[in-house]
Structure formats: C-alpha cells, structure tokens
C-alpha cells in the first residue's frame, strides 16, 4: 500500500512534529498556566461525551 520511502518519510515527519510541538509547548508553558486554567475539565467532559455516544451506539445496536 505504501512504499518504504513513504513510510520512512511519515515516521520522520511524525518524530520531527512531536519534537517541535514539545519545544513550542515548553516555550509557552508560563502563558498556558495563566490563560488555560481548568482546561482539563473541558477535556474530561469531551471524553465523557464521546464515551456516552459510544455506549448509546452499542446499546441500540443490540
């Protein structure tokens, strides 16, 4: 499906992207602590909503 070169490029791109995102996050960490207090609550509610949708799908499938 994918050539060996495409897979190698994808892996290298993913590794470079993750490294750049880590550096960018560390650079902005002070701002994140100020402006994004309590954002984990939004993430938890979102994950709970997805879980509820998944449970509804399983429930009505049977």
C-alpha atoms as a PDB file:
ATOM      1  CA  UNK A   1       0.000   0.000   0.000  1.00  0.00           C
ATOM      2  CA  UNK A   2       2.785   2.446   0.920  1.00  0.00           C
ATOM      3  CA  UNK A   3       6.326   2.313  -0.354  1.00  0.00           C
ATOM      4  CA  UNK A   4       9.209   2.017   2.069  1.00  0.00           C
ATOM      5  CA  UNK A   5      10.206   5.632   1.328  1.00  0.00           C
ATOM      6  CA  UNK A   6       6.729   6.931   2.131  1.00  0.00           C
ATOM      7  CA  UNK A   7       6.679   5.067   5.446  1.00  0.00           C
ATOM      8  CA  UNK A   8      10.150   6.395   6.324  1.00  0.00           C
ATOM      9  CA  UNK A   9       9.069   9.944   5.458  1.00  0.00           C
ATOM     10  CA  UNK A  10       5.924   9.580   7.575  1.00  0.00           C
ATOM     11  CA  UNK A  11       7.869   8.318  10.584  1.00  0.00           C
ATOM     12  CA  UNK A  12      10.482  11.074  10.277  1.00  0.00           C
ATOM     13  CA  UNK A  13       7.796  13.723   9.860  1.00  0.00           C
ATOM     14  CA  UNK A  14       5.913  12.453  12.918  1.00  0.00           C
ATOM     15  CA  UNK A  15       9.056  12.447  15.081  1.00  0.00           C
ATOM     16  CA  UNK A  16      10.034  15.958  13.950  1.00  0.00           C
ATOM     17  CA  UNK A  17       6.486  17.231  14.503  1.00  0.00           C
ATOM     18  CA  UNK A  18       6.349  15.836  18.049  1.00  0.00           C
ATOM     19  CA  UNK A  19       9.746  17.324  18.931  1.00  0.00           C
ATOM     20  CA  UNK A  20       8.754  20.756  17.582  1.00  0.00           C
ATOM     21  CA  UNK A  21       5.442  20.638  19.469  1.00  0.00           C
ATOM     22  CA  UNK A  22       7.240  19.768  22.728  1.00  0.00           C
ATOM     23  CA  UNK A  23       9.585  22.745  22.325  1.00  0.00           C
ATOM     24  CA  UNK A  24       6.694  25.067  21.442  1.00  0.00           C
ATOM     25  CA  UNK A  25       4.697  23.900  24.460  1.00  0.00           C
ATOM     26  CA  UNK A  26       7.638  24.393  26.821  1.00  0.00           C
ATOM     27  CA  UNK A  27       8.209  27.877  25.433  1.00  0.00           C
ATOM     28  CA  UNK A  28       4.587  28.862  26.114  1.00  0.00           C
ATOM     29  CA  UNK A  29       4.190  26.969  29.405  1.00  0.00           C
ATOM     30  CA  UNK A  30       4.017  30.138  31.522  1.00  0.00           C
ATOM     31  CA  UNK A  31       1.231  31.540  29.334  1.00  0.00           C
ATOM     32  CA  UNK A  32      -0.639  28.243  29.427  1.00  0.00           C
ATOM     33  CA  UNK A  33      -0.689  28.311  33.227  1.00  0.00           C
ATOM     34  CA  UNK A  34      -2.176  31.809  33.194  1.00  0.00           C
ATOM     35  CA  UNK A  35      -4.757  31.602  30.413  1.00  0.00           C
ATOM     36  CA  UNK A  36      -5.774  27.947  30.375  1.00  0.00           C
ATOM     37  CA  UNK A  37      -6.600  27.157  33.989  1.00  0.00           C
ATOM     38  CA  UNK A  38      -9.062  24.303  34.325  1.00  0.00           C
ATOM     39  CA  UNK A  39      -8.912  23.208  30.710  1.00  0.00           C
ATOM     40  CA  UNK A  40      -8.620  19.596  31.837  1.00  0.00           C
ATOM     41  CA  UNK A  41     -12.277  19.806  32.887  1.00  0.00           C
ATOM     42  CA  UNK A  42     -13.275  20.553  29.299  1.00  0.00           C
ATOM     43  CA  UNK A  43     -11.205  17.580  28.117  1.00  0.00           C
ATOM     44  CA  UNK A  44     -12.852  15.284  30.670  1.00  0.00           C
ATOM     45  CA  UNK A  45     -16.348  16.411  29.652  1.00  0.00           C
ATOM     46  CA  UNK A  46     -15.482  15.899  25.978  1.00  0.00           C
ATOM     47  CA  UNK A  47     -14.141  12.387  26.623  1.00  0.00           C
ATOM     48  CA  UNK A  48     -17.207  11.580  28.730  1.00  0.00           C
ATOM     49  CA  UNK A  49     -19.462  12.778  25.897  1.00  0.00           C
ATOM     50  CA  UNK A  50     -17.631  10.561  23.383  1.00  0.00           C
ATOM     51  CA  UNK A  51     -17.905   7.600  25.776  1.00  0.00           C
ATOM     52  CA  UNK A  52     -21.652   8.192  26.182  1.00  0.00           C
ATOM     53  CA  UNK A  53     -22.108   8.302  22.405  1.00  0.00           C
ATOM     54  CA  UNK A  54     -20.158   5.052  22.100  1.00  0.00           C
ATOM     55  CA  UNK A  55     -22.304   3.401  24.787  1.00  0.00           C
ATOM     56  CA  UNK A  56     -25.506   4.582  23.083  1.00  0.00           C
ATOM     57  CA  UNK A  57     -24.254   3.113  19.807  1.00  0.00           C
ATOM     58  CA  UNK A  58     -23.542  -0.247  21.472  1.00  0.00           C
ATOM     59  CA  UNK A  59     -26.862  -0.198  23.339  1.00  0.00           C
ATOM     60  CA  UNK A  60     -29.009   0.445  20.239  1.00  0.00           C
ATOM     61  CA  UNK A  61     -27.034  -1.969  18.090  1.00  0.00           C
ATOM     62  CA  UNK A  62     -28.284  -4.929  20.136  1.00  0.00           C
END
